[in-house]
Structures are given as C-alpha cells and as structure tokens.
Amino acid sequence: MRVAALVVIAGCGRVGFEPNERCATAVFTNPAASSIVDDFSAGALGSAWMRNDTCITETGGELVATPPASGNYCFAYTAQTYHLSCDSVTVEVPEVVAAELGAQTLIYVTGGGMELNLLLEGAGFQLGGPDDLLAGARPYDPVADKWWRLAESDGTLSFSTSPDGTTWTTLGSGADPFSLDEVGISIGAGTYEQVANPGEARFHCYNKPPPCS
C-alpha cells in the first residue's frame, strides 16, 4: 500500500546556479509570483488566471475544485510566467479532497519542461519533482495545515504550513530541482483513479495575508 509522504527536493538535477546569496542582487525578467493577490471574491476568475476545466470555479469568495469520481483534474493556472526564485506563494486551504489514495489537493510549479508537484493525498503531503527523494512522513492536520506556503531563497526551496497565515512551520526544504526564474503555477485538485466520493478542495486568500475576507 502506498503511503503519502513529504518528499524533500534534493540536489541532483539542479540547473542554473549555486546557492550564493543570489537574492541580494538578482534581477528577474518575469514578475514575482507573489504579485498575484486574489481573495477569489469577484465571482469569476480574474485575468491572472486560466482554468483547465469547468470543474474549477470561483464562487462564494473561494476557488473551488470539484473533481469527478471517475478521474480528472480541476485547476486554475497562471496566464503568464513568474519568478518563484527569491519569492513565495501562500494560500489558505480551508478544505481538501477526501483523505483517500487517488484523490489529491495540489499546487504545481512548471518551468523549462519540468514540473514540481506539491500534493496532499491520503494521510499527508508529498513534495516531489525530477529527483523525487523520499525524506519522511508527516500526517496532515486540517487545523495546523490550513495555510500553505512555497518559498525559495538562494537556491533553497521550502514548504511550510500555518494554522493562521502568520506563524509558519517548515515541513521540508532542499535545493531547487530546476531554475524557478520562469514558472507557471497551478492550484486545484483531482483524481487519477476511481474514487467514490472525492469531495472538493477550496482555496482562499492567495498571497493575501489574514485577515483577507
């Protein structure tokens, strides 16, 4: 039986630069990933976002992904590329899909033909990419892990969670798996196999600190 786990990104396969206080002097072509600020209260996705399917909607001040039981992914993705290098993205996740293998709540980071996947599946988080090295497990806590943050600084990527969007606990960190200077970001949920009752995932307060309602 496969156990969901936290995977820490490790050093093999990195391209582009070495950790060397790059953030102090870096100049980027793309805007910062944190420059998208959205409380999802407009009733329809803003111009910063596109969606892959009608099963992802903006309603009631939230972005809601409702994957079908038969297997499909529902996510909103950025309409342009950004730099996550020397930056971060945060989002409140007040509800996640069912705690079953086959159902995932997700953040994807893609760039240069490569993909980093932050997934919540079954009992816990997975943070994987081209190297996908297993580092250990940590059970998901819907209270302690209500807010999610991916952050990068000087060649190190970290994933943290928070109960309130203010006090953060780092669950995993490691060397960037690839250059994060030009990436697209997706958030949503999905099923990759038959799941009888996958539920839904809800997102709020994207890069908007509390209180943001």
N, C-alpha and C. Protein backbone atom coordinates (compact mmCIF):
# COMPACT_ATOMS: atom_id res chain seq x y z
N MET A 1 0.85 -1.20 0.00
CA MET A 1 0.00 0.00 0.00
C MET A 1 0.88 1.24 0.00
N ARG A 2 0.60 2.15 -0.86
CA ARG A 2 1.40 3.36 -0.95
C ARG A 2 1.02 4.32 0.16
N VAL A 3 2.00 4.91 0.81
CA VAL A 3 1.77 5.86 1.89
C VAL A 3 2.19 7.24 1.42
N ALA A 4 1.28 8.20 1.52
CA ALA A 4 1.62 9.57 1.15
C ALA A 4 2.66 10.10 2.12
N ALA A 5 3.58 10.89 1.60
CA ALA A 5 4.69 11.34 2.44
C ALA A 5 5.18 12.70 1.97
N LEU A 6 6.01 13.29 2.78
CA LEU A 6 6.66 14.55 2.41
C LEU A 6 7.98 14.23 1.76
N VAL A 7 8.13 14.66 0.53
CA VAL A 7 9.36 14.44 -0.21
C VAL A 7 10.14 15.74 -0.24
N VAL A 8 11.38 15.73 0.17
CA VAL A 8 12.20 16.93 0.17
C VAL A 8 13.04 16.96 -1.09
N ILE A 9 13.01 18.07 -1.78
CA ILE A 9 13.77 18.21 -3.01
C ILE A 9 15.26 18.17 -2.70
N ALA A 10 15.98 17.33 -3.41
CA ALA A 10 17.41 17.16 -3.16
C ALA A 10 18.22 17.69 -4.32
N GLY A 11 19.56 17.60 -4.19
CA GLY A 11 20.44 18.37 -5.05
C GLY A 11 20.63 17.88 -6.45
N CYS A 12 20.41 16.61 -6.77
CA CYS A 12 20.69 16.11 -8.11
C CYS A 12 19.77 16.77 -9.13
N GLY A 13 20.31 17.05 -10.30
CA GLY A 13 19.48 17.56 -11.37
C GLY A 13 19.25 19.05 -11.35
N ARG A 14 19.87 19.79 -10.44
CA ARG A 14 19.70 21.23 -10.42
C ARG A 14 20.43 21.85 -11.60
N VAL A 15 19.86 22.92 -12.09
CA VAL A 15 20.50 23.63 -13.19
C VAL A 15 20.47 25.12 -12.88
N GLY A 16 21.42 25.86 -13.45
CA GLY A 16 21.28 27.31 -13.44
C GLY A 16 22.18 28.06 -12.49
N PHE A 17 22.24 27.64 -11.19
CA PHE A 17 23.03 28.43 -10.28
C PHE A 17 23.30 27.65 -9.00
N GLU A 18 24.24 28.12 -8.21
CA GLU A 18 24.55 27.58 -6.90
C GLU A 18 24.03 28.54 -5.83
N PRO A 19 23.68 28.01 -4.64
CA PRO A 19 23.29 28.91 -3.56
C PRO A 19 24.44 29.85 -3.19
N ASN A 20 24.27 31.17 -3.33
CA ASN A 20 25.37 32.11 -3.06
C ASN A 20 24.84 33.50 -2.76
N GLU A 21 23.76 33.58 -1.98
CA GLU A 21 23.14 34.86 -1.67
C GLU A 21 22.71 35.59 -2.94
N ARG A 22 22.24 34.82 -3.89
CA ARG A 22 21.80 35.36 -5.17
C ARG A 22 20.69 36.37 -5.00
N CYS A 23 19.83 36.15 -4.03
CA CYS A 23 18.66 37.01 -3.89
C CYS A 23 19.00 38.46 -3.57
N ALA A 24 20.18 38.70 -3.05
CA ALA A 24 20.56 40.08 -2.71
C ALA A 24 20.77 40.94 -3.95
N THR A 25 21.10 40.31 -5.08
CA THR A 25 21.44 41.08 -6.28
C THR A 25 20.66 40.66 -7.52
N ALA A 26 19.80 39.65 -7.40
CA ALA A 26 19.14 39.08 -8.57
C ALA A 26 18.19 40.09 -9.24
N VAL A 27 18.19 40.05 -10.57
CA VAL A 27 17.26 40.83 -11.38
C VAL A 27 16.51 39.84 -12.26
N PHE A 28 15.19 39.90 -12.26
CA PHE A 28 14.38 38.91 -12.96
C PHE A 28 13.60 39.55 -14.10
N THR A 29 13.45 38.79 -15.18
CA THR A 29 12.67 39.24 -16.33
C THR A 29 11.18 39.16 -16.05
N ASN A 30 10.77 38.11 -15.34
CA ASN A 30 9.35 37.88 -15.07
C ASN A 30 8.93 38.51 -13.75
N PRO A 31 7.65 38.87 -13.61
CA PRO A 31 7.19 39.42 -12.33
C PRO A 31 7.26 38.37 -11.22
N ALA A 32 7.21 38.84 -9.98
CA ALA A 32 7.27 37.95 -8.82
C ALA A 32 5.98 37.13 -8.71
N ALA A 33 6.15 35.88 -8.30
CA ALA A 33 4.98 35.00 -8.13
C ALA A 33 4.02 35.58 -7.09
N SER A 34 4.54 36.30 -6.11
CA SER A 34 3.70 36.89 -5.07
C SER A 34 2.91 38.11 -5.55
N SER A 35 3.16 38.55 -6.79
CA SER A 35 2.45 39.73 -7.28
C SER A 35 0.99 39.44 -7.64
N ILE A 36 0.64 38.16 -7.78
CA ILE A 36 -0.79 37.81 -7.91
C ILE A 36 -1.38 37.79 -6.52
N VAL A 37 -2.33 38.66 -6.25
CA VAL A 37 -3.01 38.71 -4.96
C VAL A 37 -4.50 38.58 -5.23
N ASP A 38 -5.12 37.54 -4.68
CA ASP A 38 -6.51 37.25 -5.04
C ASP A 38 -7.24 36.63 -3.85
N ASP A 39 -8.37 37.23 -3.48
CA ASP A 39 -9.21 36.63 -2.44
C ASP A 39 -10.38 35.85 -3.05
N PHE A 40 -10.39 35.74 -4.38
CA PHE A 40 -11.40 34.97 -5.12
C PHE A 40 -12.83 35.41 -4.79
N SER A 41 -13.01 36.71 -4.64
CA SER A 41 -14.32 37.24 -4.28
C SER A 41 -15.07 37.86 -5.45
N ALA A 42 -14.46 37.87 -6.65
CA ALA A 42 -15.08 38.54 -7.80
C ALA A 42 -16.23 37.74 -8.41
N GLY A 43 -16.28 36.44 -8.12
CA GLY A 43 -17.32 35.60 -8.71
C GLY A 43 -16.91 34.95 -10.01
N ALA A 44 -15.78 35.34 -10.55
CA ALA A 44 -15.22 34.74 -11.77
C ALA A 44 -13.71 34.94 -11.72
N LEU A 45 -12.99 34.02 -12.32
CA LEU A 45 -11.54 34.12 -12.30
C LEU A 45 -11.06 35.42 -12.93
N GLY A 46 -10.08 36.06 -12.28
CA GLY A 46 -9.50 37.28 -12.81
C GLY A 46 -8.57 36.99 -13.98
N SER A 47 -8.06 38.06 -14.57
CA SER A 47 -7.24 37.94 -15.78
C SER A 47 -5.90 37.25 -15.52
N ALA A 48 -5.48 37.14 -14.26
CA ALA A 48 -4.22 36.48 -13.95
C ALA A 48 -4.30 34.97 -14.07
N TRP A 49 -5.55 34.45 -14.15
CA TRP A 49 -5.76 33.00 -14.12
C TRP A 49 -6.46 32.48 -15.38
N MET A 50 -6.20 31.22 -15.67
CA MET A 50 -6.97 30.45 -16.64
C MET A 50 -7.34 29.14 -15.96
N ARG A 51 -8.26 28.39 -16.55
CA ARG A 51 -8.63 27.12 -15.93
C ARG A 51 -8.62 26.00 -16.96
N ASN A 52 -8.38 24.80 -16.50
CA ASN A 52 -8.29 23.67 -17.43
C ASN A 52 -9.63 23.00 -17.66
N ASP A 53 -10.63 23.28 -16.79
CA ASP A 53 -11.90 22.56 -16.88
C ASP A 53 -12.96 23.33 -16.11
N THR A 54 -14.21 23.09 -16.42
CA THR A 54 -15.30 23.76 -15.72
C THR A 54 -15.50 23.23 -14.30
N CYS A 55 -14.79 22.18 -13.91
CA CYS A 55 -14.91 21.66 -12.53
C CYS A 55 -14.12 22.50 -11.53
N ILE A 56 -13.46 23.57 -12.01
CA ILE A 56 -12.85 24.53 -11.09
C ILE A 56 -13.59 25.86 -11.27
N THR A 57 -14.11 26.41 -10.18
CA THR A 57 -14.94 27.61 -10.26
C THR A 57 -14.56 28.58 -9.13
N GLU A 58 -14.88 29.84 -9.35
CA GLU A 58 -14.74 30.84 -8.30
C GLU A 58 -16.13 31.18 -7.81
N THR A 59 -16.38 30.88 -6.56
CA THR A 59 -17.72 31.10 -6.02
C THR A 59 -17.65 31.29 -4.51
N GLY A 60 -18.52 32.17 -3.98
CA GLY A 60 -18.58 32.37 -2.55
C GLY A 60 -17.30 32.86 -1.92
N GLY A 61 -16.48 33.60 -2.68
CA GLY A 61 -15.22 34.10 -2.16
C GLY A 61 -14.12 33.05 -2.09
N GLU A 62 -14.27 31.97 -2.85
CA GLU A 62 -13.27 30.90 -2.85
C GLU A 62 -13.10 30.34 -4.25
N LEU A 63 -11.95 29.74 -4.48
CA LEU A 63 -11.70 28.95 -5.67
C LEU A 63 -12.01 27.50 -5.28
N VAL A 64 -12.94 26.87 -5.98
CA VAL A 64 -13.43 25.55 -5.59
C VAL A 64 -13.15 24.55 -6.71
N ALA A 65 -12.44 23.48 -6.36
CA ALA A 65 -12.16 22.39 -7.30
C ALA A 65 -12.98 21.18 -6.87
N THR A 66 -13.79 20.68 -7.81
CA THR A 66 -14.66 19.54 -7.52
C THR A 66 -14.38 18.43 -8.52
N PRO A 67 -13.37 17.61 -8.26
CA PRO A 67 -13.02 16.57 -9.23
C PRO A 67 -14.06 15.46 -9.27
N PRO A 68 -14.30 14.88 -10.45
CA PRO A 68 -15.26 13.79 -10.56
C PRO A 68 -14.70 12.49 -10.00
N ALA A 69 -15.58 11.60 -9.62
CA ALA A 69 -15.16 10.31 -9.07
C ALA A 69 -14.43 9.46 -10.11
N SER A 70 -14.72 9.70 -11.38
CA SER A 70 -14.17 8.85 -12.45
C SER A 70 -12.72 9.14 -12.78
N GLY A 71 -12.20 10.27 -12.31
CA GLY A 71 -10.80 10.59 -12.56
C GLY A 71 -10.62 11.77 -13.49
N ASN A 72 -10.25 12.93 -12.93
CA ASN A 72 -9.96 14.12 -13.72
C ASN A 72 -9.36 15.17 -12.79
N TYR A 73 -8.65 16.14 -13.38
CA TYR A 73 -8.04 17.19 -12.58
C TYR A 73 -8.72 18.52 -12.88
N CYS A 74 -8.87 19.32 -11.84
CA CYS A 74 -9.54 20.62 -11.92
C CYS A 74 -8.60 21.65 -11.31
N PHE A 75 -8.03 22.53 -12.13
CA PHE A 75 -7.11 23.50 -11.56
C PHE A 75 -7.14 24.81 -12.33
N ALA A 76 -6.79 25.88 -11.62
CA ALA A 76 -6.56 27.18 -12.23
C ALA A 76 -5.06 27.37 -12.36
N TYR A 77 -4.62 27.95 -13.46
CA TYR A 77 -3.19 28.13 -13.68
C TYR A 77 -2.92 29.56 -14.15
N THR A 78 -1.73 30.03 -13.85
CA THR A 78 -1.40 31.41 -14.15
C THR A 78 -1.34 31.64 -15.66
N ALA A 79 -1.84 32.79 -16.08
CA ALA A 79 -1.92 33.11 -17.51
C ALA A 79 -0.56 33.49 -18.08
N GLN A 80 0.41 33.78 -17.21
CA GLN A 80 1.76 34.10 -17.68
C GLN A 80 2.76 33.47 -16.72
N THR A 81 4.04 33.63 -17.00
CA THR A 81 5.07 33.06 -16.14
C THR A 81 5.57 34.10 -15.13
N TYR A 82 6.07 33.59 -14.01
CA TYR A 82 6.53 34.42 -12.90
C TYR A 82 7.86 33.85 -12.38
N HIS A 83 8.52 34.60 -11.51
CA HIS A 83 9.67 34.03 -10.83
C HIS A 83 9.29 33.69 -9.39
N LEU A 84 9.49 32.41 -9.06
CA LEU A 84 9.35 31.97 -7.68
C LEU A 84 10.70 32.07 -6.97
N SER A 85 11.78 32.18 -7.74
CA SER A 85 13.11 32.42 -7.15
C SER A 85 13.06 33.67 -6.28
N CYS A 86 13.62 33.58 -5.08
CA CYS A 86 13.68 34.73 -4.16
C CYS A 86 12.28 35.28 -3.85
N ASP A 87 11.29 34.41 -3.82
CA ASP A 87 9.91 34.84 -3.62
C ASP A 87 9.13 33.69 -2.99
N SER A 88 7.83 33.87 -2.85
CA SER A 88 6.98 32.83 -2.26
C SER A 88 5.55 32.97 -2.75
N VAL A 89 4.79 31.90 -2.59
CA VAL A 89 3.34 31.94 -2.79
C VAL A 89 2.70 31.32 -1.56
N THR A 90 1.61 31.94 -1.11
CA THR A 90 0.86 31.42 0.02
C THR A 90 -0.61 31.33 -0.35
N VAL A 91 -1.31 30.39 0.27
CA VAL A 91 -2.74 30.26 0.03
C VAL A 91 -3.38 29.59 1.23
N GLU A 92 -4.57 30.05 1.57
CA GLU A 92 -5.36 29.39 2.60
C GLU A 92 -6.12 28.25 1.94
N VAL A 93 -6.11 27.08 2.58
CA VAL A 93 -6.80 25.90 2.03
C VAL A 93 -7.76 25.39 3.10
N PRO A 94 -8.96 25.99 3.20
CA PRO A 94 -9.89 25.62 4.27
C PRO A 94 -10.51 24.24 4.12
N GLU A 95 -10.45 23.66 2.91
CA GLU A 95 -10.98 22.31 2.71
C GLU A 95 -10.14 21.60 1.66
N VAL A 96 -9.90 20.32 1.87
CA VAL A 96 -9.15 19.50 0.92
C VAL A 96 -10.01 18.32 0.52
N VAL A 97 -9.61 17.63 -0.55
CA VAL A 97 -10.38 16.48 -1.01
C VAL A 97 -10.27 15.34 -0.01
N ALA A 98 -11.05 14.30 -0.24
CA ALA A 98 -11.12 13.16 0.68
C ALA A 98 -9.74 12.55 0.92
N ALA A 99 -9.53 12.09 2.13
CA ALA A 99 -8.24 11.50 2.52
C ALA A 99 -8.14 10.07 2.02
N GLU A 100 -8.11 9.93 0.71
CA GLU A 100 -8.01 8.62 0.07
C GLU A 100 -6.92 8.65 -0.98
N LEU A 101 -6.21 7.54 -1.14
CA LEU A 101 -5.27 7.43 -2.24
C LEU A 101 -6.02 7.52 -3.56
N GLY A 102 -5.52 8.32 -4.46
CA GLY A 102 -6.19 8.56 -5.73
C GLY A 102 -6.81 9.93 -5.82
N ALA A 103 -7.00 10.61 -4.67
CA ALA A 103 -7.54 11.98 -4.65
C ALA A 103 -6.47 12.92 -4.13
N GLN A 104 -6.24 14.05 -4.82
CA GLN A 104 -5.15 14.95 -4.48
C GLN A 104 -5.59 16.40 -4.47
N THR A 105 -5.15 17.15 -3.48
CA THR A 105 -5.19 18.61 -3.49
C THR A 105 -3.78 19.07 -3.84
N LEU A 106 -3.65 20.08 -4.71
CA LEU A 106 -2.34 20.28 -5.33
C LEU A 106 -1.96 21.73 -5.59
N ILE A 107 -0.65 21.93 -5.65
CA ILE A 107 -0.03 23.10 -6.27
C ILE A 107 1.04 22.57 -7.21
N TYR A 108 1.00 22.99 -8.47
CA TYR A 108 2.01 22.62 -9.45
C TYR A 108 2.87 23.85 -9.76
N VAL A 109 4.16 23.64 -9.92
CA VAL A 109 5.08 24.67 -10.41
C VAL A 109 5.79 24.08 -11.62
N THR A 110 5.64 24.73 -12.78
CA THR A 110 6.20 24.19 -14.01
C THR A 110 7.10 25.22 -14.68
N GLY A 111 8.20 24.73 -15.26
CA GLY A 111 9.11 25.61 -15.97
C GLY A 111 10.18 24.84 -16.70
N GLY A 112 10.51 25.26 -17.91
CA GLY A 112 11.56 24.62 -18.68
C GLY A 112 11.30 23.17 -18.97
N GLY A 113 10.03 22.81 -19.13
CA GLY A 113 9.68 21.43 -19.41
C GLY A 113 9.73 20.52 -18.19
N MET A 114 9.89 21.09 -17.02
CA MET A 114 9.96 20.30 -15.78
C MET A 114 8.82 20.72 -14.86
N GLU A 115 8.52 19.87 -13.88
CA GLU A 115 7.37 20.12 -13.01
C GLU A 115 7.69 19.72 -11.57
N LEU A 116 7.30 20.58 -10.65
CA LEU A 116 7.37 20.32 -9.22
C LEU A 116 5.94 20.17 -8.72
N ASN A 117 5.66 19.09 -8.00
CA ASN A 117 4.31 18.82 -7.54
C ASN A 117 4.24 18.86 -6.02
N LEU A 118 3.43 19.75 -5.49
CA LEU A 118 3.08 19.73 -4.08
C LEU A 118 1.69 19.12 -3.98
N LEU A 119 1.59 17.96 -3.35
CA LEU A 119 0.34 17.21 -3.30
C LEU A 119 -0.02 16.88 -1.87
N LEU A 120 -1.31 16.92 -1.59
CA LEU A 120 -1.84 16.32 -0.37
C LEU A 120 -2.69 15.14 -0.80
N GLU A 121 -2.28 13.96 -0.41
CA GLU A 121 -3.00 12.75 -0.79
C GLU A 121 -3.02 11.79 0.38
N GLY A 122 -4.17 11.22 0.67
CA GLY A 122 -4.26 10.26 1.75
C GLY A 122 -3.91 10.89 3.08
N ALA A 123 -2.86 10.37 3.72
CA ALA A 123 -2.50 10.79 5.08
C ALA A 123 -1.62 12.01 5.16
N GLY A 124 -1.02 12.44 4.05
CA GLY A 124 -0.07 13.53 4.20
C GLY A 124 0.38 14.16 2.91
N PHE A 125 1.39 15.01 3.03
CA PHE A 125 1.90 15.80 1.91
C PHE A 125 2.96 15.04 1.13
N GLN A 126 3.05 15.37 -0.15
CA GLN A 126 4.15 14.95 -1.00
C GLN A 126 4.69 16.19 -1.69
N LEU A 127 5.99 16.36 -1.69
CA LEU A 127 6.62 17.44 -2.43
C LEU A 127 7.66 16.79 -3.32
N GLY A 128 7.37 16.67 -4.60
CA GLY A 128 8.24 15.92 -5.49
C GLY A 128 8.53 16.66 -6.76
N GLY A 129 9.50 16.20 -7.49
CA GLY A 129 9.89 16.79 -8.75
C GLY A 129 10.75 15.83 -9.52
N PRO A 130 11.69 16.31 -10.29
CA PRO A 130 12.53 15.43 -11.09
C PRO A 130 13.33 14.44 -10.26
N ASP A 131 13.71 14.79 -9.02
CA ASP A 131 14.53 13.91 -8.20
C ASP A 131 13.69 13.02 -7.28
N ASP A 132 12.62 13.58 -6.76
CA ASP A 132 11.63 12.80 -6.03
C ASP A 132 12.22 11.90 -4.96
N LEU A 133 12.99 12.45 -4.03
CA LEU A 133 13.61 11.67 -2.98
C LEU A 133 12.74 11.68 -1.73
N LEU A 134 12.42 10.53 -1.21
CA LEU A 134 11.57 10.40 -0.04
C LEU A 134 12.35 10.75 1.22
N ALA A 135 11.80 11.64 2.04
CA ALA A 135 12.51 12.07 3.24
C ALA A 135 11.79 11.67 4.52
N GLY A 136 10.52 11.36 4.47
CA GLY A 136 9.79 11.01 5.68
C GLY A 136 8.34 11.40 5.58
N ALA A 137 7.57 11.09 6.59
CA ALA A 137 6.14 11.33 6.55
C ALA A 137 5.72 12.25 7.68
N ARG A 138 4.64 12.98 7.45
CA ARG A 138 4.08 13.85 8.48
C ARG A 138 2.58 13.92 8.23
N PRO A 139 1.74 13.42 9.14
CA PRO A 139 0.30 13.40 8.90
C PRO A 139 -0.27 14.81 8.70
N TYR A 140 -1.22 14.91 7.83
CA TYR A 140 -1.91 16.18 7.58
C TYR A 140 -2.80 16.52 8.77
N ASP A 141 -2.76 17.76 9.18
CA ASP A 141 -3.59 18.28 10.26
C ASP A 141 -4.42 19.43 9.70
N PRO A 142 -5.74 19.29 9.60
CA PRO A 142 -6.55 20.33 8.97
C PRO A 142 -6.52 21.67 9.70
N VAL A 143 -6.15 21.68 10.96
CA VAL A 143 -6.05 22.93 11.71
C VAL A 143 -4.66 23.54 11.54
N ALA A 144 -3.63 22.76 11.82
CA ALA A 144 -2.25 23.27 11.74
C ALA A 144 -1.82 23.55 10.31
N ASP A 145 -2.43 22.87 9.35
CA ASP A 145 -2.02 22.97 7.94
C ASP A 145 -3.05 23.69 7.08
N LYS A 146 -3.75 24.65 7.66
CA LYS A 146 -4.80 25.36 6.92
C LYS A 146 -4.22 26.29 5.86
N TRP A 147 -3.01 26.82 6.10
CA TRP A 147 -2.34 27.70 5.13
C TRP A 147 -1.11 26.98 4.59
N TRP A 148 -0.83 27.16 3.29
CA TRP A 148 0.32 26.54 2.64
C TRP A 148 1.22 27.63 2.07
N ARG A 149 2.52 27.39 2.14
CA ARG A 149 3.47 28.34 1.55
C ARG A 149 4.63 27.60 0.88
N LEU A 150 4.91 27.96 -0.37
CA LEU A 150 6.12 27.54 -1.07
C LEU A 150 7.01 28.76 -1.19
N ALA A 151 8.24 28.65 -0.74
CA ALA A 151 9.15 29.79 -0.76
C ALA A 151 10.52 29.36 -1.25
N GLU A 152 11.21 30.28 -1.95
CA GLU A 152 12.55 30.00 -2.45
C GLU A 152 13.48 31.13 -2.06
N SER A 153 14.71 30.76 -1.66
CA SER A 153 15.72 31.77 -1.34
C SER A 153 17.10 31.18 -1.58
N ASP A 154 17.88 31.83 -2.43
CA ASP A 154 19.28 31.47 -2.66
C ASP A 154 19.48 29.98 -2.94
N GLY A 155 18.62 29.44 -3.82
CA GLY A 155 18.79 28.06 -4.25
C GLY A 155 18.13 27.02 -3.38
N THR A 156 17.41 27.44 -2.35
CA THR A 156 16.72 26.50 -1.47
C THR A 156 15.21 26.73 -1.53
N LEU A 157 14.48 25.67 -1.77
CA LEU A 157 13.03 25.70 -1.81
C LEU A 157 12.49 25.09 -0.52
N SER A 158 11.47 25.71 0.06
CA SER A 158 10.88 25.18 1.29
C SER A 158 9.36 25.17 1.20
N PHE A 159 8.76 24.22 1.92
CA PHE A 159 7.32 24.15 2.05
C PHE A 159 6.96 24.25 3.51
N SER A 160 6.05 25.19 3.82
CA SER A 160 5.64 25.43 5.20
C SER A 160 4.12 25.47 5.27
N THR A 161 3.61 25.21 6.47
CA THR A 161 2.17 25.35 6.71
C THR A 161 1.94 26.17 7.97
N SER A 162 0.70 26.65 8.10
CA SER A 162 0.37 27.52 9.23
C SER A 162 -1.11 27.36 9.58
N PRO A 163 -1.44 27.50 10.85
CA PRO A 163 -2.86 27.48 11.22
C PRO A 163 -3.57 28.81 10.98
N ASP A 164 -2.78 29.89 10.88
CA ASP A 164 -3.38 31.23 10.85
C ASP A 164 -2.80 32.16 9.78
N GLY A 165 -1.87 31.67 8.97
CA GLY A 165 -1.26 32.51 7.95
C GLY A 165 -0.21 33.46 8.49
N THR A 166 0.15 33.29 9.76
CA THR A 166 1.12 34.18 10.40
C THR A 166 2.33 33.40 10.95
N THR A 167 2.08 32.36 11.69
CA THR A 167 3.12 31.52 12.29
C THR A 167 3.29 30.27 11.45
N TRP A 168 4.50 30.08 10.91
CA TRP A 168 4.73 29.01 9.94
C TRP A 168 5.66 27.93 10.49
N THR A 169 5.38 26.67 10.07
CA THR A 169 6.23 25.53 10.39
C THR A 169 6.74 24.94 9.09
N THR A 170 8.05 24.85 8.92
CA THR A 170 8.63 24.28 7.71
C THR A 170 8.56 22.75 7.78
N LEU A 171 7.91 22.15 6.80
CA LEU A 171 7.78 20.70 6.74
C LEU A 171 8.85 20.05 5.88
N GLY A 172 9.46 20.79 4.98
CA GLY A 172 10.51 20.24 4.14
C GLY A 172 11.21 21.33 3.37
N SER A 173 12.50 21.11 3.09
CA SER A 173 13.26 22.07 2.29
C SER A 173 14.43 21.35 1.63
N GLY A 174 14.93 21.94 0.57
CA GLY A 174 16.05 21.36 -0.13
C GLY A 174 16.42 22.21 -1.33
N ALA A 175 17.43 21.77 -2.06
CA ALA A 175 17.91 22.53 -3.21
C ALA A 175 16.86 22.57 -4.32
N ASP A 176 16.81 23.71 -5.03
CA ASP A 176 15.87 23.84 -6.14
C ASP A 176 16.07 22.70 -7.13
N PRO A 177 14.99 22.07 -7.60
CA PRO A 177 15.12 20.97 -8.56
C PRO A 177 15.44 21.44 -9.97
N PHE A 178 15.09 22.71 -10.26
CA PHE A 178 15.38 23.34 -11.55
C PHE A 178 15.24 24.84 -11.34
N SER A 179 15.61 25.62 -12.34
CA SER A 179 15.52 27.07 -12.21
C SER A 179 14.06 27.48 -12.03
N LEU A 180 13.80 28.31 -11.03
CA LEU A 180 12.45 28.80 -10.75
C LEU A 180 12.28 30.26 -11.18
N ASP A 181 13.15 30.69 -12.12
CA ASP A 181 13.10 32.08 -12.60
C ASP A 181 11.93 32.35 -13.54
N GLU A 182 11.40 31.33 -14.17
CA GLU A 182 10.33 31.50 -15.15
C GLU A 182 9.40 30.30 -15.06
N VAL A 183 8.35 30.41 -14.24
CA VAL A 183 7.49 29.27 -13.98
C VAL A 183 6.01 29.67 -14.05
N GLY A 184 5.20 28.67 -14.29
CA GLY A 184 3.76 28.81 -14.16
C GLY A 184 3.32 28.10 -12.89
N ILE A 185 2.24 28.55 -12.29
CA ILE A 185 1.76 27.99 -11.03
C ILE A 185 0.30 27.61 -11.19
N SER A 186 -0.06 26.42 -10.71
CA SER A 186 -1.43 25.92 -10.76
C SER A 186 -1.88 25.52 -9.37
N ILE A 187 -3.16 25.71 -9.07
CA ILE A 187 -3.74 25.24 -7.81
C ILE A 187 -5.07 24.56 -8.12
N GLY A 188 -5.36 23.49 -7.39
CA GLY A 188 -6.61 22.79 -7.64
C GLY A 188 -6.62 21.43 -6.97
N ALA A 189 -7.32 20.48 -7.59
CA ALA A 189 -7.46 19.13 -7.04
C ALA A 189 -7.82 18.19 -8.17
N GLY A 190 -7.68 16.89 -7.89
CA GLY A 190 -8.01 15.92 -8.92
C GLY A 190 -8.01 14.50 -8.42
N THR A 191 -8.48 13.61 -9.27
CA THR A 191 -8.43 12.18 -9.01
C THR A 191 -7.76 11.51 -10.21
N TYR A 192 -6.84 10.59 -9.94
CA TYR A 192 -6.17 9.90 -11.03
C TYR A 192 -6.65 8.46 -11.19
N GLU A 193 -7.62 8.07 -10.34
CA GLU A 193 -8.27 6.79 -10.46
C GLU A 193 -9.66 6.91 -9.84
N GLN A 194 -10.44 5.85 -9.91
CA GLN A 194 -11.79 5.88 -9.38
C GLN A 194 -11.78 6.11 -7.87
N VAL A 195 -12.44 7.17 -7.44
CA VAL A 195 -12.61 7.48 -6.02
C VAL A 195 -14.10 7.75 -5.82
N ALA A 196 -14.74 6.97 -4.99
CA ALA A 196 -16.20 7.04 -4.89
C ALA A 196 -16.70 8.43 -4.50
N ASN A 197 -16.09 9.03 -3.49
CA ASN A 197 -16.53 10.34 -3.00
C ASN A 197 -15.31 11.23 -2.79
N PRO A 198 -14.80 11.84 -3.86
CA PRO A 198 -13.57 12.63 -3.73
C PRO A 198 -13.73 13.93 -2.96
N GLY A 199 -14.95 14.43 -2.85
CA GLY A 199 -15.15 15.70 -2.17
C GLY A 199 -14.67 16.87 -3.01
N GLU A 200 -14.26 17.95 -2.37
CA GLU A 200 -13.78 19.13 -3.08
C GLU A 200 -12.67 19.81 -2.29
N ALA A 201 -11.92 20.64 -2.98
CA ALA A 201 -10.89 21.46 -2.34
C ALA A 201 -11.26 22.92 -2.52
N ARG A 202 -11.05 23.70 -1.48
CA ARG A 202 -11.37 25.12 -1.52
C ARG A 202 -10.12 25.94 -1.19
N PHE A 203 -9.93 27.02 -1.94
CA PHE A 203 -8.76 27.88 -1.78
C PHE A 203 -9.23 29.32 -1.56
N HIS A 204 -8.49 30.04 -0.73
CA HIS A 204 -8.86 31.41 -0.40
C HIS A 204 -7.57 32.17 -0.10
N CYS A 205 -7.63 33.49 -0.15
CA CYS A 205 -6.52 34.34 0.31
C CYS A 205 -5.20 34.00 -0.38
N TYR A 206 -5.19 34.00 -1.72
CA TYR A 206 -3.96 33.72 -2.45
C TYR A 206 -3.03 34.92 -2.36
N ASN A 207 -1.90 34.73 -1.69
CA ASN A 207 -0.91 35.80 -1.46
C ASN A 207 -1.51 37.03 -0.76
N LYS A 208 -2.57 36.80 -0.03
CA LYS A 208 -3.20 37.89 0.71
C LYS A 208 -3.24 37.50 2.18
N PRO A 209 -2.45 38.18 3.02
CA PRO A 209 -2.35 37.77 4.42
C PRO A 209 -3.64 38.00 5.19
N PRO A 210 -3.82 37.27 6.27
CA PRO A 210 -5.03 37.45 7.07
C PRO A 210 -5.00 38.79 7.80
N PRO A 211 -6.17 39.35 8.07
CA PRO A 211 -7.48 38.87 7.62
C PRO A 211 -7.74 39.34 6.18
N CYS A 212 -8.20 38.42 5.34
CA CYS A 212 -8.36 38.79 3.94
C CYS A 212 -9.80 38.61 3.47
N SER A 213 -10.71 38.22 4.35
CA SER A 213 -12.10 38.00 3.92
C SER A 213 -12.83 39.34 3.83
